[in-house]
Amino acid sequence: MERKSLAYDPFQPIGRFCRQIVDELRKTVTPAAREWLAWSIAAFVFVIPLMALAAGMDLGIGRLTLMVFG
């Protein structure tokens, strides 16, 4: 009869977590080239106007600060 160790093994949950990650990654599907292109364009269309908005606000607030505080 094999005796079970009562000591806690901290690496056991880490190993289970890594196995679960690999199992989930096997379920994923790599997108086709056309999908990559579509998502890349969508990301740029979203990010570029936000960058322009942030830059414009930074410039405007900077000039306003210079006008107020000299």
N, C-alpha and C. Protein backbone atom coordinates (compact mmCIF):
# COMPACT_ATOMS: atom_id res chain seq x y z
N MET A 1 0.83 -1.18 0.00
CA MET A 1 0.00 0.00 0.00
C MET A 1 0.88 1.25 0.00
N GLU A 2 0.64 2.12 -0.96
CA GLU A 2 1.45 3.33 -1.08
C GLU A 2 0.96 4.37 -0.09
N ARG A 3 1.90 4.99 0.56
CA ARG A 3 1.57 5.99 1.55
C ARG A 3 1.56 7.37 0.92
N LYS A 4 0.53 8.13 1.18
CA LYS A 4 0.40 9.47 0.61
C LYS A 4 1.17 10.47 1.48
N SER A 5 1.92 11.34 0.83
CA SER A 5 2.67 12.35 1.56
C SER A 5 1.72 13.46 2.01
N LEU A 6 1.88 13.88 3.24
CA LEU A 6 1.04 14.94 3.78
C LEU A 6 1.62 16.32 3.50
N ALA A 7 2.86 16.37 3.02
CA ALA A 7 3.50 17.66 2.74
C ALA A 7 2.88 18.28 1.49
N TYR A 8 2.69 19.57 1.54
CA TYR A 8 2.11 20.31 0.42
C TYR A 8 3.19 20.57 -0.61
N ASP A 9 2.88 20.26 -1.85
CA ASP A 9 3.82 20.51 -2.95
C ASP A 9 3.37 21.77 -3.69
N PRO A 10 4.10 22.88 -3.55
CA PRO A 10 3.66 24.13 -4.18
C PRO A 10 3.78 24.12 -5.70
N PHE A 11 4.50 23.15 -6.26
CA PHE A 11 4.69 23.12 -7.71
C PHE A 11 3.57 22.38 -8.43
N GLN A 12 2.77 21.63 -7.69
CA GLN A 12 1.69 20.88 -8.31
C GLN A 12 0.64 21.79 -8.96
N PRO A 13 0.16 22.86 -8.29
CA PRO A 13 -0.79 23.75 -8.96
C PRO A 13 -0.18 24.47 -10.16
N ILE A 14 1.10 24.77 -10.08
CA ILE A 14 1.77 25.44 -11.21
C ILE A 14 1.80 24.52 -12.42
N GLY A 15 2.11 23.24 -12.19
CA GLY A 15 2.12 22.27 -13.28
C GLY A 15 0.74 22.09 -13.89
N ARG A 16 -0.29 22.03 -13.03
CA ARG A 16 -1.67 21.89 -13.52
C ARG A 16 -2.05 23.11 -14.34
N PHE A 17 -1.67 24.30 -13.86
CA PHE A 17 -1.96 25.54 -14.58
C PHE A 17 -1.31 25.53 -15.97
N CYS A 18 -0.06 25.12 -16.04
CA CYS A 18 0.64 25.08 -17.33
C CYS A 18 0.00 24.07 -18.28
N ARG A 19 -0.43 22.90 -17.76
CA ARG A 19 -1.12 21.92 -18.60
C ARG A 19 -2.43 22.48 -19.13
N GLN A 20 -3.14 23.22 -18.28
CA GLN A 20 -4.41 23.81 -18.72
C GLN A 20 -4.18 24.87 -19.79
N ILE A 21 -3.09 25.63 -19.67
CA ILE A 21 -2.76 26.63 -20.69
C ILE A 21 -2.53 25.95 -22.04
N VAL A 22 -1.74 24.87 -22.03
CA VAL A 22 -1.45 24.15 -23.27
C VAL A 22 -2.74 23.58 -23.86
N ASP A 23 -3.61 23.03 -23.01
CA ASP A 23 -4.89 22.49 -23.51
C ASP A 23 -5.74 23.58 -24.15
N GLU A 24 -5.79 24.76 -23.55
CA GLU A 24 -6.59 25.85 -24.11
C GLU A 24 -5.98 26.37 -25.41
N LEU A 25 -4.65 26.43 -25.48
CA LEU A 25 -3.99 26.89 -26.70
C LEU A 25 -4.23 25.93 -27.86
N ARG A 26 -4.39 24.65 -27.57
CA ARG A 26 -4.67 23.69 -28.64
C ARG A 26 -6.06 23.89 -29.22
N LYS A 27 -6.95 24.50 -28.47
CA LYS A 27 -8.32 24.74 -28.93
C LYS A 27 -8.42 25.96 -29.85
N THR A 28 -7.42 26.82 -29.83
CA THR A 28 -7.51 28.06 -30.60
C THR A 28 -7.29 27.80 -32.09
N VAL A 29 -7.78 28.72 -32.90
CA VAL A 29 -7.64 28.63 -34.35
C VAL A 29 -6.85 29.85 -34.81
N THR A 30 -5.84 29.63 -35.62
CA THR A 30 -5.04 30.73 -36.14
C THR A 30 -5.84 31.42 -37.25
N PRO A 31 -5.99 32.74 -37.17
CA PRO A 31 -6.75 33.44 -38.21
C PRO A 31 -6.05 33.42 -39.56
N ALA A 32 -6.85 33.51 -40.60
CA ALA A 32 -6.32 33.55 -41.96
C ALA A 32 -5.68 34.92 -42.22
N ALA A 33 -4.93 35.01 -43.30
CA ALA A 33 -4.22 36.25 -43.63
C ALA A 33 -5.20 37.40 -43.81
N ARG A 34 -6.34 37.13 -44.42
CA ARG A 34 -7.33 38.18 -44.65
C ARG A 34 -7.89 38.71 -43.32
N GLU A 35 -8.09 37.80 -42.36
CA GLU A 35 -8.57 38.22 -41.04
C GLU A 35 -7.52 39.05 -40.32
N TRP A 36 -6.24 38.63 -40.42
CA TRP A 36 -5.15 39.41 -39.82
C TRP A 36 -5.15 40.83 -40.38
N LEU A 37 -5.29 40.93 -41.68
CA LEU A 37 -5.28 42.24 -42.33
C LEU A 37 -6.46 43.08 -41.86
N ALA A 38 -7.64 42.48 -41.80
CA ALA A 38 -8.83 43.22 -41.38
C ALA A 38 -8.69 43.72 -39.95
N TRP A 39 -8.22 42.86 -39.05
CA TRP A 39 -8.07 43.27 -37.65
C TRP A 39 -6.96 44.31 -37.50
N SER A 40 -5.90 44.20 -38.29
CA SER A 40 -4.82 45.20 -38.22
C SER A 40 -5.32 46.56 -38.67
N ILE A 41 -6.07 46.59 -39.76
CA ILE A 41 -6.63 47.86 -40.25
C ILE A 41 -7.59 48.44 -39.22
N ALA A 42 -8.43 47.59 -38.64
CA ALA A 42 -9.38 48.07 -37.63
C ALA A 42 -8.65 48.65 -36.43
N ALA A 43 -7.55 48.03 -36.03
CA ALA A 43 -6.78 48.54 -34.89
C ALA A 43 -6.18 49.90 -35.23
N PHE A 44 -5.61 50.05 -36.42
CA PHE A 44 -5.04 51.33 -36.81
C PHE A 44 -6.11 52.41 -36.92
N VAL A 45 -7.26 52.06 -37.48
CA VAL A 45 -8.35 53.03 -37.61
C VAL A 45 -8.82 53.50 -36.24
N PHE A 46 -8.75 52.64 -35.25
CA PHE A 46 -9.15 53.01 -33.90
C PHE A 46 -8.05 53.78 -33.17
N VAL A 47 -6.81 53.33 -33.29
CA VAL A 47 -5.71 53.89 -32.49
C VAL A 47 -5.25 55.24 -33.01
N ILE A 48 -5.16 55.42 -34.32
CA ILE A 48 -4.62 56.67 -34.87
C ILE A 48 -5.47 57.88 -34.49
N PRO A 49 -6.81 57.85 -34.59
CA PRO A 49 -7.58 59.00 -34.13
C PRO A 49 -7.45 59.24 -32.62
N LEU A 50 -7.34 58.19 -31.84
CA LEU A 50 -7.14 58.38 -30.41
C LEU A 50 -5.80 59.03 -30.12
N MET A 51 -4.76 58.64 -30.87
CA MET A 51 -3.46 59.28 -30.69
C MET A 51 -3.53 60.75 -31.08
N ALA A 52 -4.22 61.05 -32.17
CA ALA A 52 -4.37 62.45 -32.60
C ALA A 52 -5.13 63.25 -31.55
N LEU A 53 -6.18 62.66 -30.99
CA LEU A 53 -6.95 63.34 -29.94
C LEU A 53 -6.08 63.62 -28.72
N ALA A 54 -5.31 62.62 -28.28
CA ALA A 54 -4.44 62.80 -27.12
C ALA A 54 -3.37 63.85 -27.39
N ALA A 55 -2.78 63.82 -28.59
CA ALA A 55 -1.75 64.81 -28.94
C ALA A 55 -2.35 66.21 -29.00
N GLY A 56 -3.54 66.33 -29.59
CA GLY A 56 -4.20 67.64 -29.67
C GLY A 56 -4.54 68.19 -28.29
N MET A 57 -5.04 67.32 -27.42
CA MET A 57 -5.36 67.77 -26.06
C MET A 57 -4.09 68.18 -25.32
N ASP A 58 -3.02 67.42 -25.50
CA ASP A 58 -1.75 67.74 -24.84
C ASP A 58 -1.24 69.09 -25.32
N LEU A 59 -1.29 69.30 -26.63
CA LEU A 59 -0.84 70.57 -27.19
C LEU A 59 -1.71 71.73 -26.70
N GLY A 60 -3.02 71.53 -26.74
CA GLY A 60 -3.94 72.58 -26.31
C GLY A 60 -3.80 72.93 -24.84
N ILE A 61 -3.71 71.92 -24.00
CA ILE A 61 -3.57 72.17 -22.56
C ILE A 61 -2.22 72.81 -22.27
N GLY A 62 -1.19 72.40 -23.02
CA GLY A 62 0.12 73.01 -22.84
C GLY A 62 0.11 74.49 -23.20
N ARG A 63 -0.52 74.84 -24.31
CA ARG A 63 -0.60 76.26 -24.71
C ARG A 63 -1.46 77.05 -23.74
N LEU A 64 -2.56 76.46 -23.28
CA LEU A 64 -3.42 77.12 -22.30
C LEU A 64 -2.66 77.38 -21.01
N THR A 65 -1.87 76.43 -20.58
CA THR A 65 -1.06 76.59 -19.37
C THR A 65 -0.06 77.72 -19.56
N LEU A 66 0.57 77.80 -20.72
CA LEU A 66 1.52 78.88 -20.98
C LEU A 66 0.82 80.24 -20.99
N MET A 67 -0.40 80.29 -21.54
CA MET A 67 -1.13 81.56 -21.55
C MET A 67 -1.52 82.00 -20.14
N VAL A 68 -1.92 81.05 -19.31
CA VAL A 68 -2.37 81.39 -17.96
C VAL A 68 -1.19 81.73 -17.06
N PHE A 69 -0.15 80.92 -17.08
CA PHE A 69 0.95 81.09 -16.14
C PHE A 69 2.17 81.77 -16.75
N GLY A 70 2.11 82.10 -18.02
CA GLY A 70 3.16 82.87 -18.65
C GLY A 70 4.37 82.11 -18.94
